[in-house]
Amino acid sequence: MLGREFLAGSMFVGFGSGALWFARHLPIGTAMRMGPGYIPHALAYLLLVLGFVIAAIALIYPGERCERPKWKPLGSVTIAIVCFALLFEVAGMFPALVALVLIASWGGGEFNALEVTASIAVLTVLCVVVFKLGLGMNVSIVAGIG
């Protein structure tokens, strides 16, 4: 297994490469007249340099070994986010939040129904206060109900 630092450096290199790929058609411009691709390219090159430096140092001074991925929490949180995205428009914010919290909490080591219920209630109240009242967004709490 590879060390944590080497994997982190590789991740930076991957994100920097991806950013360069997606920004490849944006004109860069000059420092005086920056184009829409100036900042994305600069940040991508910064990520690449940092990633290569971190990975090179990790090869010279190997650190801790990286543990195996925990697939159950990773999968359940990913599935929870996808379910939230699919349910939000169709069913509304409350059912989407319920699905998000329930599915994500099953990925943990212990499931406490009282804590999950409290999390759903607090998260729903916070989302209504922030998005509906604070920002004035037109989101439905439950499908068909404003």
N, C-alpha and C. Protein backbone atom coordinates (compact mmCIF):
# COMPACT_ATOMS: atom_id res chain seq x y z
N MET A 1 0.84 -1.19 0.00
CA MET A 1 0.00 0.00 0.00
C MET A 1 0.88 1.25 0.00
N LEU A 2 0.38 2.28 -0.63
CA LEU A 2 1.12 3.54 -0.70
C LEU A 2 0.83 4.40 0.53
N GLY A 3 1.73 5.34 0.77
CA GLY A 3 1.56 6.22 1.90
C GLY A 3 0.49 7.28 1.65
N ARG A 4 -0.01 7.84 2.75
CA ARG A 4 -1.06 8.86 2.66
C ARG A 4 -0.60 10.09 1.88
N GLU A 5 0.63 10.55 2.17
CA GLU A 5 1.11 11.76 1.53
C GLU A 5 1.25 11.57 0.02
N PHE A 6 1.73 10.40 -0.39
CA PHE A 6 1.86 10.15 -1.83
C PHE A 6 0.49 10.14 -2.50
N LEU A 7 -0.47 9.52 -1.86
CA LEU A 7 -1.82 9.51 -2.43
C LEU A 7 -2.44 10.91 -2.45
N ALA A 8 -2.18 11.72 -1.43
CA ALA A 8 -2.68 13.10 -1.42
C ALA A 8 -2.04 13.90 -2.55
N GLY A 9 -0.73 13.75 -2.73
CA GLY A 9 -0.06 14.44 -3.84
C GLY A 9 -0.60 14.00 -5.18
N SER A 10 -0.85 12.70 -5.32
CA SER A 10 -1.42 12.19 -6.58
C SER A 10 -2.82 12.74 -6.81
N MET A 11 -3.59 12.90 -5.74
CA MET A 11 -4.93 13.47 -5.87
C MET A 11 -4.83 14.92 -6.34
N PHE A 12 -3.89 15.69 -5.79
CA PHE A 12 -3.71 17.07 -6.23
C PHE A 12 -3.34 17.12 -7.71
N VAL A 13 -2.46 16.22 -8.12
CA VAL A 13 -2.06 16.17 -9.54
C VAL A 13 -3.27 15.82 -10.41
N GLY A 14 -4.08 14.89 -9.95
CA GLY A 14 -5.28 14.52 -10.71
C GLY A 14 -6.27 15.66 -10.83
N PHE A 15 -6.52 16.38 -9.72
CA PHE A 15 -7.44 17.52 -9.77
C PHE A 15 -6.88 18.64 -10.65
N GLY A 16 -5.58 18.89 -10.54
CA GLY A 16 -4.96 19.91 -11.39
C GLY A 16 -5.04 19.56 -12.85
N SER A 17 -4.79 18.30 -13.18
CA SER A 17 -4.89 17.85 -14.57
C SER A 17 -6.33 17.96 -15.07
N GLY A 18 -7.27 17.57 -14.23
CA GLY A 18 -8.68 17.68 -14.61
C GLY A 18 -9.09 19.12 -14.84
N ALA A 19 -8.63 20.02 -13.98
CA ALA A 19 -8.95 21.44 -14.14
C ALA A 19 -8.37 21.98 -15.43
N LEU A 20 -7.13 21.59 -15.76
CA LEU A 20 -6.55 22.02 -17.04
C LEU A 20 -7.34 21.48 -18.22
N TRP A 21 -7.78 20.25 -18.09
CA TRP A 21 -8.56 19.64 -19.19
C TRP A 21 -9.87 20.40 -19.41
N PHE A 22 -10.59 20.69 -18.33
CA PHE A 22 -11.88 21.37 -18.47
C PHE A 22 -11.73 22.83 -18.86
N ALA A 23 -10.59 23.45 -18.56
CA ALA A 23 -10.38 24.86 -18.88
C ALA A 23 -9.57 25.04 -20.16
N ARG A 24 -9.37 23.98 -20.91
CA ARG A 24 -8.49 24.04 -22.07
C ARG A 24 -8.98 24.99 -23.16
N HIS A 25 -10.28 25.21 -23.26
CA HIS A 25 -10.82 26.07 -24.32
C HIS A 25 -11.02 27.51 -23.86
N LEU A 26 -10.77 27.80 -22.59
CA LEU A 26 -10.96 29.15 -22.08
C LEU A 26 -9.73 30.00 -22.39
N PRO A 27 -9.93 31.17 -22.96
CA PRO A 27 -8.77 32.04 -23.22
C PRO A 27 -8.15 32.54 -21.92
N ILE A 28 -6.83 32.48 -21.85
CA ILE A 28 -6.12 32.85 -20.63
C ILE A 28 -5.98 34.37 -20.51
N GLY A 29 -5.60 35.03 -21.58
CA GLY A 29 -5.38 36.47 -21.53
C GLY A 29 -4.02 36.78 -20.95
N THR A 30 -3.88 38.00 -20.44
CA THR A 30 -2.61 38.42 -19.82
C THR A 30 -2.88 38.84 -18.39
N ALA A 31 -1.81 39.18 -17.68
CA ALA A 31 -1.98 39.61 -16.29
C ALA A 31 -2.75 40.93 -16.22
N MET A 32 -2.61 41.78 -17.22
CA MET A 32 -3.33 43.05 -17.24
C MET A 32 -4.77 42.89 -17.71
N ARG A 33 -5.00 41.98 -18.64
CA ARG A 33 -6.34 41.74 -19.16
C ARG A 33 -6.62 40.24 -19.07
N MET A 34 -7.03 39.84 -17.88
CA MET A 34 -7.24 38.42 -17.61
C MET A 34 -8.47 37.91 -18.36
N GLY A 35 -8.30 36.75 -18.97
CA GLY A 35 -9.43 36.10 -19.62
C GLY A 35 -10.13 35.18 -18.64
N PRO A 36 -11.21 34.55 -19.09
CA PRO A 36 -11.96 33.66 -18.19
C PRO A 36 -11.18 32.41 -17.78
N GLY A 37 -10.10 32.10 -18.47
CA GLY A 37 -9.32 30.92 -18.12
C GLY A 37 -8.09 31.22 -17.28
N TYR A 38 -7.86 32.48 -16.96
CA TYR A 38 -6.64 32.86 -16.24
C TYR A 38 -6.57 32.23 -14.86
N ILE A 39 -7.59 32.44 -14.04
CA ILE A 39 -7.60 31.90 -12.68
C ILE A 39 -7.69 30.37 -12.68
N PRO A 40 -8.58 29.76 -13.49
CA PRO A 40 -8.59 28.28 -13.49
C PRO A 40 -7.24 27.68 -13.87
N HIS A 41 -6.57 28.27 -14.86
CA HIS A 41 -5.26 27.74 -15.24
C HIS A 41 -4.23 27.96 -14.13
N ALA A 42 -4.24 29.14 -13.51
CA ALA A 42 -3.29 29.41 -12.44
C ALA A 42 -3.49 28.45 -11.27
N LEU A 43 -4.75 28.23 -10.87
CA LEU A 43 -5.01 27.31 -9.77
C LEU A 43 -4.66 25.87 -10.15
N ALA A 44 -4.92 25.51 -11.40
CA ALA A 44 -4.59 24.15 -11.84
C ALA A 44 -3.08 23.92 -11.80
N TYR A 45 -2.31 24.91 -12.27
CA TYR A 45 -0.85 24.76 -12.22
C TYR A 45 -0.35 24.74 -10.78
N LEU A 46 -0.97 25.52 -9.91
CA LEU A 46 -0.62 25.50 -8.50
C LEU A 46 -0.88 24.12 -7.90
N LEU A 47 -2.03 23.54 -8.22
CA LEU A 47 -2.33 22.18 -7.74
C LEU A 47 -1.33 21.17 -8.27
N LEU A 48 -0.96 21.29 -9.54
CA LEU A 48 0.01 20.37 -10.13
C LEU A 48 1.36 20.47 -9.42
N VAL A 49 1.84 21.69 -9.23
CA VAL A 49 3.14 21.87 -8.58
C VAL A 49 3.11 21.33 -7.14
N LEU A 50 2.08 21.71 -6.39
CA LEU A 50 1.96 21.22 -5.01
C LEU A 50 1.86 19.70 -4.98
N GLY A 51 1.08 19.15 -5.88
CA GLY A 51 0.91 17.69 -5.93
C GLY A 51 2.21 16.96 -6.21
N PHE A 52 2.97 17.47 -7.20
CA PHE A 52 4.24 16.83 -7.51
C PHE A 52 5.24 16.97 -6.37
N VAL A 53 5.25 18.13 -5.70
CA VAL A 53 6.16 18.32 -4.57
C VAL A 53 5.79 17.39 -3.42
N ILE A 54 4.51 17.33 -3.10
CA ILE A 54 4.07 16.46 -2.00
C ILE A 54 4.36 15.00 -2.31
N ALA A 55 4.09 14.58 -3.55
CA ALA A 55 4.34 13.18 -3.93
C ALA A 55 5.84 12.87 -3.92
N ALA A 56 6.67 13.81 -4.39
CA ALA A 56 8.12 13.57 -4.40
C ALA A 56 8.66 13.46 -2.98
N ILE A 57 8.22 14.36 -2.10
CA ILE A 57 8.67 14.29 -0.70
C ILE A 57 8.22 12.98 -0.07
N ALA A 58 7.01 12.53 -0.41
CA ALA A 58 6.49 11.27 0.14
C ALA A 58 7.29 10.08 -0.35
N LEU A 59 7.84 10.16 -1.56
CA LEU A 59 8.68 9.06 -2.04
C LEU A 59 10.02 9.03 -1.32
N ILE A 60 10.53 10.21 -0.97
CA ILE A 60 11.81 10.27 -0.26
C ILE A 60 11.65 9.89 1.21
N TYR A 61 10.61 10.45 1.84
CA TYR A 61 10.34 10.19 3.27
C TYR A 61 8.96 9.53 3.39
N PRO A 62 8.92 8.22 3.24
CA PRO A 62 7.60 7.57 3.31
C PRO A 62 6.97 7.74 4.69
N GLY A 63 5.70 8.04 4.69
CA GLY A 63 4.98 8.25 5.94
C GLY A 63 4.12 7.05 6.27
N GLU A 64 3.00 7.34 6.92
CA GLU A 64 2.08 6.28 7.33
C GLU A 64 1.48 5.59 6.11
N ARG A 65 1.23 4.33 6.29
CA ARG A 65 0.52 3.59 5.26
C ARG A 65 -0.94 4.00 5.26
N CYS A 66 -1.52 3.97 4.09
CA CYS A 66 -2.93 4.33 3.97
C CYS A 66 -3.77 3.09 4.26
N GLU A 67 -4.80 3.28 5.07
CA GLU A 67 -5.65 2.13 5.40
C GLU A 67 -6.60 1.84 4.25
N ARG A 68 -7.16 0.66 4.28
CA ARG A 68 -8.10 0.26 3.24
C ARG A 68 -9.34 1.13 3.30
N PRO A 69 -9.94 1.40 2.14
CA PRO A 69 -11.17 2.20 2.15
C PRO A 69 -12.29 1.48 2.88
N LYS A 70 -13.09 2.24 3.56
CA LYS A 70 -14.28 1.69 4.22
C LYS A 70 -15.44 1.89 3.26
N TRP A 71 -15.81 0.81 2.58
CA TRP A 71 -16.77 0.91 1.48
C TRP A 71 -18.20 1.16 1.95
N LYS A 72 -18.57 0.65 3.12
CA LYS A 72 -19.95 0.83 3.58
C LYS A 72 -20.28 2.31 3.82
N PRO A 73 -19.48 3.06 4.60
CA PRO A 73 -19.80 4.48 4.77
C PRO A 73 -19.68 5.28 3.47
N LEU A 74 -18.65 4.97 2.69
CA LEU A 74 -18.45 5.68 1.43
C LEU A 74 -19.62 5.46 0.48
N GLY A 75 -20.06 4.22 0.37
CA GLY A 75 -21.19 3.90 -0.51
C GLY A 75 -22.50 4.47 -0.01
N SER A 76 -22.74 4.38 1.29
CA SER A 76 -24.02 4.87 1.80
C SER A 76 -24.13 6.38 1.71
N VAL A 77 -23.04 7.10 1.95
CA VAL A 77 -23.09 8.56 1.82
C VAL A 77 -23.28 8.95 0.35
N THR A 78 -22.60 8.26 -0.55
CA THR A 78 -22.77 8.55 -1.98
C THR A 78 -24.20 8.27 -2.43
N ILE A 79 -24.75 7.14 -2.03
CA ILE A 79 -26.13 6.80 -2.39
C ILE A 79 -27.10 7.80 -1.77
N ALA A 80 -26.83 8.24 -0.54
CA ALA A 80 -27.69 9.22 0.13
C ALA A 80 -27.72 10.54 -0.63
N ILE A 81 -26.57 10.99 -1.11
CA ILE A 81 -26.51 12.25 -1.86
C ILE A 81 -27.25 12.13 -3.18
N VAL A 82 -27.08 11.00 -3.86
CA VAL A 82 -27.79 10.78 -5.13
C VAL A 82 -29.30 10.74 -4.89
N CYS A 83 -29.74 10.04 -3.85
CA CYS A 83 -31.17 9.99 -3.53
C CYS A 83 -31.71 11.37 -3.20
N PHE A 84 -30.94 12.17 -2.45
CA PHE A 84 -31.37 13.52 -2.14
C PHE A 84 -31.56 14.33 -3.42
N ALA A 85 -30.59 14.24 -4.33
CA ALA A 85 -30.68 14.99 -5.58
C ALA A 85 -31.88 14.56 -6.41
N LEU A 86 -32.16 13.26 -6.44
CA LEU A 86 -33.29 12.76 -7.23
C LEU A 86 -34.63 13.10 -6.59
N LEU A 87 -34.69 13.09 -5.27
CA LEU A 87 -35.96 13.32 -4.57
C LEU A 87 -36.30 14.80 -4.38
N PHE A 88 -35.32 15.66 -4.37
CA PHE A 88 -35.54 17.06 -4.03
C PHE A 88 -36.58 17.73 -4.93
N GLU A 89 -36.43 17.59 -6.22
CA GLU A 89 -37.36 18.21 -7.17
C GLU A 89 -38.72 17.52 -7.16
N VAL A 90 -38.71 16.20 -7.04
CA VAL A 90 -39.95 15.43 -7.17
C VAL A 90 -40.77 15.44 -5.89
N ALA A 91 -40.13 15.18 -4.76
CA ALA A 91 -40.87 15.01 -3.51
C ALA A 91 -40.80 16.22 -2.58
N GLY A 92 -39.80 17.07 -2.75
CA GLY A 92 -39.66 18.22 -1.88
C GLY A 92 -38.46 18.07 -0.95
N MET A 93 -38.22 19.14 -0.18
CA MET A 93 -37.04 19.17 0.66
C MET A 93 -37.12 18.20 1.84
N PHE A 94 -38.25 18.13 2.52
CA PHE A 94 -38.35 17.28 3.70
C PHE A 94 -38.14 15.79 3.38
N PRO A 95 -38.86 15.21 2.40
CA PRO A 95 -38.60 13.79 2.10
C PRO A 95 -37.17 13.54 1.61
N ALA A 96 -36.61 14.50 0.89
CA ALA A 96 -35.23 14.34 0.42
C ALA A 96 -34.26 14.36 1.59
N LEU A 97 -34.49 15.23 2.57
CA LEU A 97 -33.63 15.28 3.76
C LEU A 97 -33.78 14.02 4.60
N VAL A 98 -35.00 13.51 4.72
CA VAL A 98 -35.22 12.27 5.47
C VAL A 98 -34.43 11.13 4.83
N ALA A 99 -34.53 11.01 3.51
CA ALA A 99 -33.79 9.95 2.81
C ALA A 99 -32.29 10.14 2.97
N LEU A 100 -31.83 11.38 2.85
CA LEU A 100 -30.41 11.67 2.99
C LEU A 100 -29.87 11.24 4.34
N VAL A 101 -30.54 11.66 5.41
CA VAL A 101 -30.05 11.35 6.75
C VAL A 101 -30.17 9.86 7.06
N LEU A 102 -31.30 9.24 6.70
CA LEU A 102 -31.48 7.81 6.98
C LEU A 102 -30.45 6.95 6.28
N ILE A 103 -30.28 7.16 4.99
CA ILE A 103 -29.36 6.32 4.21
C ILE A 103 -27.92 6.57 4.66
N ALA A 104 -27.55 7.83 4.88
CA ALA A 104 -26.18 8.13 5.29
C ALA A 104 -25.88 7.57 6.69
N SER A 105 -26.88 7.61 7.57
CA SER A 105 -26.63 7.12 8.94
C SER A 105 -26.49 5.60 9.00
N TRP A 106 -27.06 4.89 8.05
CA TRP A 106 -26.89 3.44 8.02
C TRP A 106 -25.46 3.04 7.70
N GLY A 107 -24.67 3.95 7.15
CA GLY A 107 -23.28 3.63 6.83
C GLY A 107 -22.38 3.62 8.04
N GLY A 108 -22.83 4.21 9.13
CA GLY A 108 -22.01 4.27 10.34
C GLY A 108 -22.03 2.96 11.10
N GLY A 109 -21.24 2.92 12.13
CA GLY A 109 -21.14 1.70 12.92
C GLY A 109 -22.34 1.45 13.82
N GLU A 110 -22.99 2.52 14.25
CA GLU A 110 -24.14 2.34 15.14
C GLU A 110 -25.27 3.24 14.65
N PHE A 111 -26.47 2.75 14.78
CA PHE A 111 -27.66 3.49 14.32
C PHE A 111 -28.54 3.75 15.53
N ASN A 112 -28.75 5.02 15.85
CA ASN A 112 -29.59 5.40 16.97
C ASN A 112 -30.78 6.16 16.42
N ALA A 113 -31.97 5.59 16.53
CA ALA A 113 -33.16 6.18 15.93
C ALA A 113 -33.46 7.57 16.49
N LEU A 114 -33.23 7.77 17.78
CA LEU A 114 -33.50 9.07 18.38
C LEU A 114 -32.56 10.14 17.81
N GLU A 115 -31.27 9.82 17.68
CA GLU A 115 -30.31 10.77 17.11
C GLU A 115 -30.63 11.07 15.65
N VAL A 116 -31.02 10.04 14.90
CA VAL A 116 -31.36 10.24 13.49
C VAL A 116 -32.59 11.12 13.36
N THR A 117 -33.61 10.88 14.19
CA THR A 117 -34.82 11.70 14.16
C THR A 117 -34.51 13.14 14.53
N ALA A 118 -33.68 13.34 15.54
CA ALA A 118 -33.29 14.69 15.93
C ALA A 118 -32.49 15.37 14.82
N SER A 119 -31.63 14.63 14.16
CA SER A 119 -30.85 15.19 13.05
C SER A 119 -31.76 15.63 11.92
N ILE A 120 -32.75 14.81 11.60
CA ILE A 120 -33.69 15.15 10.54
C ILE A 120 -34.46 16.42 10.90
N ALA A 121 -34.93 16.51 12.15
CA ALA A 121 -35.70 17.68 12.58
C ALA A 121 -34.85 18.95 12.54
N VAL A 122 -33.64 18.89 13.09
CA VAL A 122 -32.77 20.06 13.13
C VAL A 122 -32.37 20.47 11.72
N LEU A 123 -32.00 19.51 10.90
CA LEU A 123 -31.60 19.81 9.53
C LEU A 123 -32.73 20.42 8.72
N THR A 124 -33.95 19.91 8.91
CA THR A 124 -35.10 20.46 8.21
C THR A 124 -35.37 21.90 8.63
N VAL A 125 -35.35 22.16 9.94
CA VAL A 125 -35.58 23.52 10.43
C VAL A 125 -34.50 24.46 9.90
N LEU A 126 -33.25 24.05 9.97
CA LEU A 126 -32.16 24.89 9.47
C LEU A 126 -32.29 25.18 7.98
N CYS A 127 -32.63 24.17 7.21
CA CYS A 127 -32.77 24.36 5.76
C CYS A 127 -33.94 25.29 5.43
N VAL A 128 -35.05 25.15 6.16
CA VAL A 128 -36.19 26.04 5.93
C VAL A 128 -35.81 27.47 6.30
N VAL A 129 -35.15 27.65 7.44
CA VAL A 129 -34.77 29.00 7.87
C VAL A 129 -33.77 29.62 6.89
N VAL A 130 -32.76 28.87 6.50
CA VAL A 130 -31.72 29.43 5.64
C VAL A 130 -32.21 29.64 4.21
N PHE A 131 -32.77 28.59 3.60
CA PHE A 131 -33.09 28.66 2.18
C PHE A 131 -34.44 29.32 1.89
N LYS A 132 -35.44 28.97 2.65
CA LYS A 132 -36.78 29.48 2.37
C LYS A 132 -36.95 30.89 2.94
N LEU A 133 -36.63 31.08 4.21
CA LEU A 133 -36.85 32.37 4.84
C LEU A 133 -35.68 33.33 4.61
N GLY A 134 -34.47 32.86 4.86
CA GLY A 134 -33.30 33.74 4.75
C GLY A 134 -32.98 34.16 3.33
N LEU A 135 -32.89 33.20 2.43
CA LEU A 135 -32.53 33.49 1.05
C LEU A 135 -33.74 33.71 0.14
N GLY A 136 -34.91 33.36 0.64
CA GLY A 136 -36.13 33.56 -0.16
C GLY A 136 -36.21 32.65 -1.37
N MET A 137 -35.58 31.50 -1.31
CA MET A 137 -35.62 30.58 -2.44
C MET A 137 -36.99 29.90 -2.53
N ASN A 138 -37.39 29.62 -3.74
CA ASN A 138 -38.68 29.00 -3.98
C ASN A 138 -38.50 27.47 -3.97
N VAL A 139 -38.33 26.90 -2.78
CA VAL A 139 -38.21 25.45 -2.65
C VAL A 139 -39.42 24.94 -1.91
N SER A 140 -39.92 23.81 -2.35
CA SER A 140 -41.09 23.24 -1.67
C SER A 140 -40.62 22.33 -0.53
N ILE A 141 -41.32 22.43 0.59
CA ILE A 141 -40.99 21.60 1.74
C ILE A 141 -41.40 20.17 1.45
N VAL A 142 -42.62 20.00 1.00
CA VAL A 142 -43.15 18.71 0.55
C VAL A 142 -43.80 18.96 -0.80
N ALA A 143 -43.70 18.03 -1.73
CA ALA A 143 -44.22 18.23 -3.08
C ALA A 143 -45.68 18.66 -3.01
N GLY A 144 -45.99 19.73 -3.70
CA GLY A 144 -47.34 20.24 -3.74
C GLY A 144 -47.66 21.24 -2.64
N ILE A 145 -46.79 21.31 -1.62
CA ILE A 145 -46.99 22.25 -0.51
C ILE A 145 -45.85 23.26 -0.57
N GLY A 146 -46.18 24.55 -0.70
CA GLY A 146 -45.21 25.65 -0.83
C GLY A 146 -44.06 25.50 0.04
